PDB file of N, CA and C in Angstrom:
ATOM      1  N   MET A   1      59.362 103.346 121.204  1.00  0.00           N
ATOM      2  CA  MET A   1      59.892 103.103 119.877  1.00  0.00           C
ATOM      3  C   MET A   1      59.616 101.545 119.764  1.00  0.00           C
ATOM      4  N   SER A   2      59.430 101.153 118.559  1.00  0.00           N
ATOM      5  CA  SER A   2      59.405  99.838 118.211  1.00  0.00           C
ATOM      6  C   SER A   2      60.628  99.150 118.075  1.00  0.00           C
ATOM      7  N   VAL A   3      60.923  97.909 117.980  1.00  0.00           N
ATOM      8  CA  VAL A   3      62.224  97.283 117.757  1.00  0.00           C
ATOM      9  C   VAL A   3      62.606  97.640 116.267  1.00  0.00           C
ATOM     10  N   ARG A   4      61.751  97.748 115.537  1.00  0.00           N
ATOM     11  CA  ARG A   4      61.951  97.956 113.992  1.00  0.00           C
ATOM     12  C   ARG A   4      62.414  99.386 113.859  1.00  0.00           C
ATOM     13  N   GLN A   5      61.823 100.366 114.517  1.00  0.00           N
ATOM     14  CA  GLN A   5      62.315 101.720 114.693  1.00  0.00           C
ATOM     15  C   GLN A   5      63.581 101.847 115.321  1.00  0.00           C
ATOM     16  N   LEU A   6      64.016 101.244 116.187  1.00  0.00           N
ATOM     17  CA  LEU A   6      65.086 101.346 116.941  1.00  0.00           C
ATOM     18  C   LEU A   6      66.261 100.951 116.068  1.00  0.00           C
ATOM     19  N   ARG A   7      65.961  99.710 115.226  1.00  0.00           N
ATOM     20  CA  ARG A   7      67.046  99.053 114.326  1.00  0.00           C
ATOM     21  C   ARG A   7      67.293 100.141 113.267  1.00  0.00           C
ATOM     22  N   ALA A   8      66.089 100.769 112.618  1.00  0.00           N
ATOM     23  CA  ALA A   8      66.454 101.764 111.608  1.00  0.00           C
ATOM     24  C   ALA A   8      67.166 102.911 112.124  1.00  0.00           C
ATOM     25  N   ARG A   9      66.789 103.289 113.279  1.00  0.00           N
ATOM     26  CA  ARG A   9      67.625 104.550 113.835  1.00  0.00           C
ATOM     27  C   ARG A   9      69.134 104.224 114.004  1.00  0.00           C
ATOM     28  N   ARG A  10      69.239 102.802 114.460  1.00  0.00           N
ATOM     29  CA  ARG A  10      70.771 102.608 114.467  1.00  0.00           C
ATOM     30  C   ARG A  10      71.547 102.568 113.371  1.00  0.00           C
ATOM     31  N   ARG A  11      70.777 101.900 112.151  1.00  0.00           N
ATOM     32  CA  ARG A  11      71.418 101.976 110.730  1.00  0.00           C
ATOM     33  C   ARG A  11      71.730 103.386 110.351  1.00  0.00           C
ATOM     34  N   ALA A  12      70.554 104.346 110.551  1.00  0.00           N
ATOM     35  CA  ALA A  12      70.752 105.717 110.326  1.00  0.00           C
ATOM     36  C   ALA A  12      72.096 106.319 110.820  1.00  0.00           C
ATOM     37  N   ALA A  13      72.012 106.035 112.110  1.00  0.00           N
ATOM     38  CA  ALA A  13      73.297 106.701 112.874  1.00  0.00           C
ATOM     39  C   ALA A  13      74.584 106.206 112.319  1.00  0.00           C
ATOM     40  N   ALA A  14      74.600 104.655 112.130  1.00  0.00           N
ATOM     41  CA  ALA A  14      75.800 104.149 111.662  1.00  0.00           C
ATOM     42  C   ALA A  14      76.360 104.770 110.202  1.00  0.00           C
ATOM     43  N   ALA A  15      75.252 105.070 109.434  1.00  0.00           N
ATOM     44  CA  ALA A  15      75.571 105.692 108.059  1.00  0.00           C
ATOM     45  C   ALA A  15      76.113 106.975 108.310  1.00  0.00           C
ATOM     46  N   ARG A  16      75.803 107.768 109.334  1.00  0.00           N
ATOM     47  CA  ARG A  16      76.362 109.115 109.461  1.00  0.00           C
ATOM     48  C   ARG A  16      77.779 109.097 109.789  1.00  0.00           C
ATOM     49  N   LEU A  17      78.322 108.015 110.115  1.00  0.00           N
ATOM     50  CA  LEU A  17      79.770 107.874 110.458  1.00  0.00           C
ATOM     51  C   LEU A  17      80.529 108.003 109.312  1.00  0.00           C
ATOM     52  N   GLY A  18      80.023 107.505 108.192  1.00  0.00           N
ATOM     53  CA  GLY A  18      80.833 107.877 106.833  1.00  0.00           C
ATOM     54  C   GLY A  18      81.969 106.717 106.801  1.00  0.00           C
ATOM     55  N   ASP A  19      82.998 107.107 106.250  1.00  0.00           N
ATOM     56  CA  ASP A  19      84.065 106.147 105.974  1.00  0.00           C
ATOM     57  C   ASP A  19      84.892 106.226 107.229  1.00  0.00           C
ATOM     58  N   VAL A  20      84.882 105.310 108.114  1.00  0.00           N
ATOM     59  CA  VAL A  20      85.743 105.314 109.445  1.00  0.00           C
ATOM     60  C   VAL A  20      87.119 105.095 109.232  1.00  0.00           C
ATOM     61  N   GLN A  21      87.577 104.778 108.177  1.00  0.00           N
ATOM     62  CA  GLN A  21      89.025 104.355 107.889  1.00  0.00           C
ATOM     63  C   GLN A  21      89.667 105.709 107.776  1.00  0.00           C
ATOM     64  N   GLN A  22      89.012 106.936 107.596  1.00  0.00           N
ATOM     65  CA  GLN A  22      89.581 108.125 107.342  1.00  0.00           C
ATOM     66  C   GLN A  22      89.448 109.176 108.625  1.00  0.00           C
ATOM     67  N   VAL A  23      89.223 108.599 109.663  1.00  0.00           N
ATOM     68  CA  VAL A  23      88.930 109.339 110.810  1.00  0.00           C
ATOM     69  C   VAL A  23      90.170 109.348 111.613  1.00  0.00           C
ATOM     70  N   LEU A  24      90.574 110.831 112.062  1.00  0.00           N
ATOM     71  CA  LEU A  24      91.626 111.355 112.922  1.00  0.00           C
ATOM     72  C   LEU A  24      90.981 111.886 113.983  1.00  0.00           C
ATOM     73  N   ALA A  25      91.390 111.444 115.120  1.00  0.00           N
ATOM     74  CA  ALA A  25      91.014 112.049 116.471  1.00  0.00           C
ATOM     75  C   ALA A  25      92.125 112.733 117.011  1.00  0.00           C
ATOM     76  N   GLY A  26      91.817 114.009 117.267  1.00  0.00           N
ATOM     77  CA  GLY A  26      92.902 114.830 117.717  1.00  0.00           C
ATOM     78  C   GLY A  26      92.689 116.230 117.348  1.00  0.00           C
ATOM     79  N   THR A  27      93.770 117.129 117.589  1.00  0.00           N
ATOM     80  CA  THR A  27      93.746 118.592 117.233  1.00  0.00           C
ATOM     81  C   THR A  27      94.697 118.752 116.228  1.00  0.00           C
ATOM     82  N   LEU A  28      94.056 119.646 115.339  1.00  0.00           N
ATOM     83  CA  LEU A  28      95.045 120.371 114.352  1.00  0.00           C
ATOM     84  C   LEU A  28      95.190 121.808 114.676  1.00  0.00           C
ATOM     85  N   THR A  29      96.350 122.183 114.830  1.00  0.00           N
ATOM     86  CA  THR A  29      96.790 123.627 115.086  1.00  0.00           C
ATOM     87  C   THR A  29      97.908 124.317 114.277  1.00  0.00           C
ATOM     88  N   GLY A  30      97.874 125.517 114.080  1.00  0.00           N
ATOM     89  CA  GLY A  30      98.882 126.175 113.445  1.00  0.00           C
ATOM     90  C   GLY A  30      99.978 126.883 114.396  1.00  0.00           C
ATOM     91  N   GLN A  31     100.991 126.773 114.151  1.00  0.00           N
ATOM     92  CA  GLN A  31     102.169 127.143 115.144  1.00  0.00           C
ATOM     93  C   GLN A  31     103.120 127.992 114.286  1.00  0.00           C
ATOM     94  N   SER A  32     103.551 129.046 114.679  1.00  0.00           N
ATOM     95  CA  SER A  32     104.852 129.849 114.129  1.00  0.00           C
ATOM     96  C   SER A  32     106.075 129.622 114.827  1.00  0.00           C
ATOM     97  N   ARG A  33     107.144 129.646 114.194  1.00  0.00           N
ATOM     98  CA  ARG A  33     108.476 129.186 114.635  1.00  0.00           C
ATOM     99  C   ARG A  33     109.409 130.285 114.359  1.00  0.00           C
ATOM    100  N   ARG A  34     110.477 130.255 115.231  1.00  0.00           N
ATOM    101  CA  ARG A  34     111.750 131.051 114.905  1.00  0.00           C
ATOM    102  C   ARG A  34     112.840 129.895 114.672  1.00  0.00           C
ATOM    103  N   CYS A  35     113.599 130.186 113.571  1.00  0.00           N
ATOM    104  CA  CYS A  35     114.668 129.516 113.133  1.00  0.00           C
ATOM    105  C   CYS A  35     115.917 129.427 113.809  1.00  0.00           C
ATOM    106  N   GLY A  36     116.272 130.578 114.632  1.00  0.00           N
ATOM    107  CA  GLY A  36     117.549 130.797 115.325  1.00  0.00           C
ATOM    108  C   GLY A  36     118.533 131.271 114.646  1.00  0.00           C
ATOM    109  N   ARG A  37     118.352 131.609 113.416  1.00  0.00           N
ATOM    110  CA  ARG A  37     119.612 132.150 112.650  1.00  0.00           C
ATOM    111  C   ARG A  37     119.562 133.601 112.953  1.00  0.00           C
ATOM    112  N   ALA A  38     121.077 134.052 112.989  1.00  0.00           N
ATOM    113  CA  ALA A  38     121.108 135.420 113.360  1.00  0.00           C
ATOM    114  C   ALA A  38     120.931 136.164 111.974  1.00  0.00           C
ATOM    115  N   GLY A  39     120.237 137.418 112.068  1.00  0.00           N
ATOM    116  CA  GLY A  39     120.032 138.103 110.892  1.00  0.00           C
ATOM    117  C   GLY A  39     118.679 137.752 110.153  1.00  0.00           C
ATOM    118  N   CYS A  40     118.121 136.723 110.548  1.00  0.00           N
ATOM    119  CA  CYS A  40     116.772 136.192 109.934  1.00  0.00           C
ATOM    120  C   CYS A  40     115.648 137.054 110.379  1.00  0.00           C
ATOM    121  N   ARG A  41     114.605 137.287 109.717  1.00  0.00           N
ATOM    122  CA  ARG A  41     113.512 138.130 110.002  1.00  0.00           C
ATOM    123  C   ARG A  41     112.788 137.633 111.272  1.00  0.00           C
ATOM    124  N   CYS A  42     112.906 136.309 111.635  1.00  0.00           N
ATOM    125  CA  CYS A  42     112.257 135.883 112.739  1.00  0.00           C
ATOM    126  C   CYS A  42     112.963 136.331 114.103  1.00  0.00           C
ATOM    127  N   ALA A  43     114.302 136.623 113.913  1.00  0.00           N
ATOM    128  CA  ALA A  43     115.006 137.151 115.066  1.00  0.00           C
ATOM    129  C   ALA A  43     114.530 138.445 115.626  1.00  0.00           C
ATOM    130  N   ASP A  44     114.007 139.256 114.776  1.00  0.00           N
ATOM    131  CA  ASP A  44     113.523 140.591 115.058  1.00  0.00           C
ATOM    132  C   ASP A  44     111.842 140.498 115.498  1.00  0.00           C
ATOM    133  N   GLY A  45     111.338 139.355 115.568  1.00  0.00           N
ATOM    134  CA  GLY A  45     109.992 139.147 116.134  1.00  0.00           C
ATOM    135  C   GLY A  45     109.075 138.761 115.187  1.00  0.00           C
ATOM    136  N   GLU A  46     109.225 138.518 113.779  1.00  0.00           N
ATOM    137  CA  GLU A  46     108.311 138.005 112.880  1.00  0.00           C
ATOM    138  C   GLU A  46     108.430 136.563 112.622  1.00  0.00           C
ATOM    139  N   PRO A  47     107.878 135.704 113.328  1.00  0.00           N
ATOM    140  CA  PRO A  47     108.318 134.287 113.111  1.00  0.00           C
ATOM    141  C   PRO A  47     107.959 133.805 111.676  1.00  0.00           C
ATOM    142  N   HIS A  48     108.385 132.522 111.501  1.00  0.00           N
ATOM    143  CA  HIS A  48     107.994 131.847 110.071  1.00  0.00           C
ATOM    144  C   HIS A  48     106.635 131.006 110.483  1.00  0.00           C
ATOM    145  N   GLY A  49     105.951 130.753 109.494  1.00  0.00           N
ATOM    146  CA  GLY A  49     104.654 130.101 109.445  1.00  0.00           C
ATOM    147  C   GLY A  49     103.648 130.881 109.294  1.00  0.00           C
ATOM    148  N   PRO A  50     102.457 130.452 109.730  1.00  0.00           N
ATOM    149  CA  PRO A  50     102.027 129.151 110.740  1.00  0.00           C
ATOM    150  C   PRO A  50     102.356 127.940 110.117  1.00  0.00           C
ATOM    151  N   TYR A  51     102.637 127.111 110.702  1.00  0.00           N
ATOM    152  CA  TYR A  51     102.970 125.446 110.236  1.00  0.00           C
ATOM    153  C   TYR A  51     101.706 124.781 110.994  1.00  0.00           C
ATOM    154  N   ALA A  52     101.277 123.818 110.308  1.00  0.00           N
ATOM    155  CA  ALA A  52     100.311 122.894 110.679  1.00  0.00           C
ATOM    156  C   ALA A  52     100.866 121.735 111.579  1.00  0.00           C
ATOM    157  N   TYR A  53     100.280 121.399 112.733  1.00  0.00           N
ATOM    158  CA  TYR A  53     100.627 120.319 113.751  1.00  0.00           C
ATOM    159  C   TYR A  53      99.653 119.586 113.985  1.00  0.00           C
ATOM    160  N   PHE A  54      99.623 118.187 114.086  1.00  0.00           N
ATOM    161  CA  PHE A  54      98.384 117.490 114.502  1.00  0.00           C
ATOM    162  C   PHE A  54      98.871 116.599 115.662  1.00  0.00           C
ATOM    163  N   THR A  55      97.983 116.738 116.776  1.00  0.00           N
ATOM    164  CA  THR A  55      98.297 116.067 118.054  1.00  0.00           C
ATOM    165  C   THR A  55      97.216 114.872 118.265  1.00  0.00           C
ATOM    166  N   PRO A  56      97.251 113.743 118.024  1.00  0.00           N
ATOM    167  CA  PRO A  56      96.642 112.620 118.368  1.00  0.00           C
ATOM    168  C   PRO A  56      95.904 112.711 119.768  1.00  0.00           C
ATOM    169  N   ARG A  57      94.707 112.453 119.718  1.00  0.00           N
ATOM    170  CA  ARG A  57      94.015 112.388 121.183  1.00  0.00           C
ATOM    171  C   ARG A  57      93.889 111.168 121.854  1.00  0.00           C
ATOM    172  N   PRO A  58      93.808 110.111 121.183  1.00  0.00           N
ATOM    173  CA  PRO A  58      93.885 108.765 121.989  1.00  0.00           C
ATOM    174  C   PRO A  58      95.011 108.522 123.008  1.00  0.00           C
ATOM    175  N   ALA A  59      96.103 109.054 122.327  1.00  0.00           N
ATOM    176  CA  ALA A  59      97.351 109.046 123.208  1.00  0.00           C
ATOM    177  C   ALA A  59      97.471 109.880 124.533  1.00  0.00           C
ATOM    178  N   GLY A  60      96.535 110.818 124.627  1.00  0.00           N
ATOM    179  CA  GLY A  60      96.443 111.684 125.767  1.00  0.00           C
ATOM    180  C   GLY A  60      97.024 113.035 125.253  1.00  0.00           C
ATOM    181  N   ARG A  61      98.259 113.152 125.969  1.00  0.00           N
ATOM    182  CA  ARG A  61      99.028 114.198 125.791  1.00  0.00           C
ATOM    183  C   ARG A  61     100.155 113.938 124.717  1.00  0.00           C
ATOM    184  N   GLY A  62      99.812 113.602 123.590  1.00  0.00           N
ATOM    185  CA  GLY A  62     100.494 112.972 122.485  1.00  0.00           C
ATOM    186  C   GLY A  62     101.491 114.123 122.040  1.00  0.00           C
ATOM    187  N   ARG A  63     102.346 113.687 121.331  1.00  0.00           N
ATOM    188  CA  ARG A  63     103.474 114.640 120.521  1.00  0.00           C
ATOM    189  C   ARG A  63     102.838 115.041 119.380  1.00  0.00           C
ATOM    190  N   ALA A  64     102.904 116.522 119.151  1.00  0.00           N
ATOM    191  CA  ALA A  64     102.489 117.198 117.993  1.00  0.00           C
ATOM    192  C   ALA A  64     103.422 116.890 116.831  1.00  0.00           C
ATOM    193  N   ARG A  65     102.823 116.503 115.683  1.00  0.00           N
ATOM    194  CA  ARG A  65     103.526 115.945 114.603  1.00  0.00           C
ATOM    195  C   ARG A  65     103.290 117.071 113.340  1.00  0.00           C
ATOM    196  N   TYR A  66     104.352 117.301 112.723  1.00  0.00           N
ATOM    197  CA  TYR A  66     104.175 118.393 111.566  1.00  0.00           C
ATOM    198  C   TYR A  66     103.300 117.716 110.431  1.00  0.00           C
ATOM    199  N   VAL A  67     102.549 118.587 109.855  1.00  0.00           N
ATOM    200  CA  VAL A  67     101.702 118.199 108.881  1.00  0.00           C
ATOM    201  C   VAL A  67     102.121 119.129 107.661  1.00  0.00           C
ATOM    202  N   PRO A  68     102.518 118.502 106.545  1.00  0.00           N
ATOM    203  CA  PRO A  68     102.884 119.430 105.430  1.00  0.00           C
ATOM    204  C   PRO A  68     101.750 120.172 104.881  1.00  0.00           C
ATOM    205  N   ALA A  69     102.060 121.164 104.164  1.00  0.00           N
ATOM    206  CA  ALA A  69     100.863 122.155 103.650  1.00  0.00           C
ATOM    207  C   ALA A  69     100.075 121.420 102.759  1.00  0.00           C
ATOM    208  N   ALA A  70     100.625 120.397 102.026  1.00  0.00           N
ATOM    209  CA  ALA A  70      99.880 119.828 100.911  1.00  0.00           C
ATOM    210  C   ALA A  70      98.902 118.761 101.545  1.00  0.00           C
ATOM    211  N   LEU A  71      99.084 118.424 102.879  1.00  0.00           N
ATOM    212  CA  LEU A  71      98.193 117.535 103.401  1.00  0.00           C
ATOM    213  C   LEU A  71      97.354 118.144 104.370  1.00  0.00           C
ATOM    214  N   ALA A  72      97.423 119.460 104.783  1.00  0.00           N
ATOM    215  CA  ALA A  72      96.625 120.035 105.909  1.00  0.00           C
ATOM    216  C   ALA A  72      95.164 120.020 105.656  1.00  0.00           C
ATOM    217  N   ALA A  73      94.777 120.258 104.473  1.00  0.00           N
ATOM    218  CA  ALA A  73      93.225 120.268 104.066  1.00  0.00           C
ATOM    219  C   ALA A  73      92.755 118.813 104.338  1.00  0.00           C
ATOM    220  N   VAL A  74      93.432 117.874 103.972  1.00  0.00           N
ATOM    221  CA  VAL A  74      92.957 116.464 104.052  1.00  0.00           C
ATOM    222  C   VAL A  74      92.914 116.094 105.785  1.00  0.00           C
ATOM    223  N   VAL A  75      94.002 116.412 106.387  1.00  0.00           N
ATOM    224  CA  VAL A  75      93.910 116.208 107.734  1.00  0.00           C
ATOM    225  C   VAL A  75      92.874 116.942 108.495  1.00  0.00           C
ATOM    226  N   GLY A  76      92.602 118.123 108.029  1.00  0.00           N
ATOM    227  CA  GLY A  76      91.355 118.965 108.777  1.00  0.00           C
ATOM    228  C   GLY A  76      90.053 118.222 108.486  1.00  0.00           C
ATOM    229  N   ARG A  77      89.770 117.686 107.383  1.00  0.00           N
ATOM    230  CA  ARG A  77      88.590 117.097 106.993  1.00  0.00           C
ATOM    231  C   ARG A  77      88.433 115.841 107.791  1.00  0.00           C
ATOM    232  N   ASN A  78      89.607 115.120 107.742  1.00  0.00           N
ATOM    233  CA  ASN A  78      89.443 113.750 108.629  1.00  0.00           C
ATOM    234  C   ASN A  78      89.458 113.974 110.127  1.00  0.00           C
ATOM    235  N   GLN A  79      89.808 114.970 110.479  1.00  0.00           N
ATOM    236  CA  GLN A  79      90.002 115.392 111.938  1.00  0.00           C
ATOM    237  C   GLN A  79      88.667 115.740 112.309  1.00  0.00           C
ATOM    238  N   GLN A  80      87.747 116.422 111.380  1.00  0.00           N
ATOM    239  CA  GLN A  80      86.352 116.734 111.670  1.00  0.00           C
ATOM    240  C   GLN A  80      85.441 115.639 111.801  1.00  0.00           C
ATOM    241  N   ARG A  81      85.733 114.575 111.012  1.00  0.00           N
ATOM    242  CA  ARG A  81      84.886 113.335 110.931  1.00  0.00           C
ATOM    243  C   ARG A  81      85.167 112.680 112.402  1.00  0.00           C
ATOM    244  N   GLY A  82      86.338 112.733 113.021  1.00  0.00           N
ATOM    245  CA  GLY A  82      86.506 112.144 114.273  1.00  0.00           C
ATOM    246  C   GLY A  82      85.759 112.662 115.363  1.00  0.00           C
ATOM    247  N   GLY A  83      85.375 113.959 115.379  1.00  0.00           N
ATOM    248  CA  GLY A  83      84.913 114.911 116.278  1.00  0.00           C
ATOM    249  C   GLY A  83      83.306 114.525 116.526  1.00  0.00           C
ATOM    250  N   GLY A  84      82.576 114.208 115.293  1.00  0.00           N
ATOM    251  CA  GLY A  84      81.207 113.810 115.311  1.00  0.00           C
ATOM    252  C   GLY A  84      81.052 112.490 115.596  1.00  0.00           C
ATOM    253  N   GLY A  85      82.105 111.394 115.386  1.00  0.00           N
ATOM    254  CA  GLY A  85      81.924 110.116 115.754  1.00  0.00           C
ATOM    255  C   GLY A  85      81.546 109.885 117.041  1.00  0.00           C
ATOM    256  N   GLU A  86      82.069 110.495 117.928  1.00  0.00           N
ATOM    257  CA  GLU A  86      81.785 109.989 119.419  1.00  0.00           C
ATOM    258  C   GLU A  86      80.236 110.272 119.734  1.00  0.00           C
ATOM    259  N   ALA A  87      79.597 111.186 119.212  1.00  0.00           N
ATOM    260  CA  ALA A  87      78.209 111.557 119.759  1.00  0.00           C
ATOM    261  C   ALA A  87      77.355 110.408 118.875  1.00  0.00           C
ATOM    262  N   VAL A  88      77.808 110.018 117.559  1.00  0.00           N
ATOM    263  CA  VAL A  88      77.136 108.909 116.945  1.00  0.00           C
ATOM    264  C   VAL A  88      77.240 107.675 117.618  1.00  0.00           C
ATOM    265  N   LEU A  89      78.583 107.383 118.045  1.00  0.00           N
ATOM    266  CA  LEU A  89      78.720 106.112 118.795  1.00  0.00           C
ATOM    267  C   LEU A  89      77.905 106.083 120.131  1.00  0.00           C
ATOM    268  N   ALA A  90      77.652 107.035 120.808  1.00  0.00           N
ATOM    269  CA  ALA A  90      76.979 107.038 122.179  1.00  0.00           C
ATOM    270  C   ALA A  90      75.541 106.904 121.694  1.00  0.00           C
ATOM    271  N   GLU A  91      75.130 107.461 120.631  1.00  0.00           N
ATOM    272  CA  GLU A  91      73.665 107.255 120.207  1.00  0.00           C
ATOM    273  C   GLU A  91      73.408 105.647 119.918  1.00  0.00           C
ATOM    274  N   ILE A  92      74.264 105.260 119.099  1.00  0.00           N
ATOM    275  CA  ILE A  92      74.199 103.670 118.744  1.00  0.00           C
ATOM    276  C   ILE A  92      74.286 102.720 120.006  1.00  0.00           C
ATOM    277  N   SER A  93      75.222 103.311 121.065  1.00  0.00           N
ATOM    278  CA  SER A  93      75.255 102.482 122.084  1.00  0.00           C
ATOM    279  C   SER A  93      74.004 102.508 123.105  1.00  0.00           C
ATOM    280  N   ALA A  94      73.489 103.776 123.121  1.00  0.00           N
ATOM    281  CA  ALA A  94      72.287 103.836 123.935  1.00  0.00           C
ATOM    282  C   ALA A  94      70.885 103.117 123.049  1.00  0.00           C
ATOM    283  N   ILE A  95      70.970 103.090 121.775  1.00  0.00           N
ATOM    284  CA  ILE A  95      69.933 102.146 121.105  1.00  0.00           C
ATOM    285  C   ILE A  95      70.204 100.643 121.505  1.00  0.00           C
ATOM    286  N   ASN A  96      71.488 100.295 121.301  1.00  0.00           N
ATOM    287  CA  ASN A  96      71.807  98.754 121.721  1.00  0.00           C
ATOM    288  C   ASN A  96      71.381  98.553 123.051  1.00  0.00           C
ATOM    289  N   ALA A  97      71.748  99.371 124.002  1.00  0.00           N
ATOM    290  CA  ALA A  97      71.286  99.255 125.442  1.00  0.00           C
ATOM    291  C   ALA A  97      69.657  98.905 125.473  1.00  0.00           C
ATOM    292  N   GLU A  98      68.972  99.687 124.770  1.00  0.00           N
ATOM    293  CA  GLU A  98      67.538  99.634 124.762  1.00  0.00           C
ATOM    294  C   GLU A  98      67.169  98.410 124.079  1.00  0.00           C
ATOM    295  N   LEU A  99      67.792  97.766 122.977  1.00  0.00           N
ATOM    296  CA  LEU A  99      67.439  96.405 122.459  1.00  0.00           C
ATOM    297  C   LEU A  99      67.795  95.467 123.282  1.00  0.00           C
ATOM    298  N   LEU A 100      69.036  95.567 124.145  1.00  0.00           N
ATOM    299  CA  LEU A 100      69.462  94.502 124.992  1.00  0.00           C
ATOM    300  C   LEU A 100      68.339  94.405 126.080  1.00  0.00           C
ATOM    301  N   ALA A 101      67.922  95.506 126.640  1.00  0.00           N
ATOM    302  CA  ALA A 101      66.796  95.467 127.710  1.00  0.00           C
ATOM    303  C   ALA A 101      65.475  94.654 127.301  1.00  0.00           C
ATOM    304  N   ARG A 102      65.347  94.771 125.981  1.00  0.00           N
ATOM    305  CA  ARG A 102      64.039  94.231 125.379  1.00  0.00           C
ATOM    306  C   ARG A 102      64.490  92.770 124.983  1.00  0.00           C
ATOM    307  N   ARG A 103      65.746  92.459 125.005  1.00  0.00           N
ATOM    308  CA  ARG A 103      66.142  91.070 124.587  1.00  0.00           C
ATOM    309  C   ARG A 103      66.118  90.894 123.127  1.00  0.00           C
ATOM    310  N   GLU A 104      66.426  91.995 122.264  1.00  0.00           N
ATOM    311  CA  GLU A 104      66.158  91.991 120.847  1.00  0.00           C
ATOM    312  C   GLU A 104      67.474  92.293 120.212  1.00  0.00           C
ATOM    313  N   LEU A 105      68.687  92.342 121.029  1.00  0.00           N
ATOM    314  CA  LEU A 105      69.941  92.954 120.505  1.00  0.00           C
ATOM    315  C   LEU A 105      70.623  91.730 119.457  1.00  0.00           C
ATOM    316  N   ARG A 106      70.833  92.323 118.367  1.00  0.00           N
ATOM    317  CA  ARG A 106      71.306  91.344 117.306  1.00  0.00           C
ATOM    318  C   ARG A 106      72.324  92.059 116.641  1.00  0.00           C
TER     319      ARG A 106
END
């Protein structure tokens, strides 16, 4: 590939990242809970929920944080953006390494 083609491919890959300000890297899960009150339906086996929880990935074994129902869809979209970003960044890095080898990195 020519230098021009490599740079065009790098621009296209960067455009696929979208709005990086909205990226959430981690896991969104649903969990059911028991409240512990005697006589509640959850005491007989039917727990409350499921409730959404987000665990950030960069922190490793981070603490799961409750996500209000009104924000669960937004968190889900932003979390999906984070998953595809790693592959795009790896592609950009490979292109930059090739440009560096050709002494054309700018």
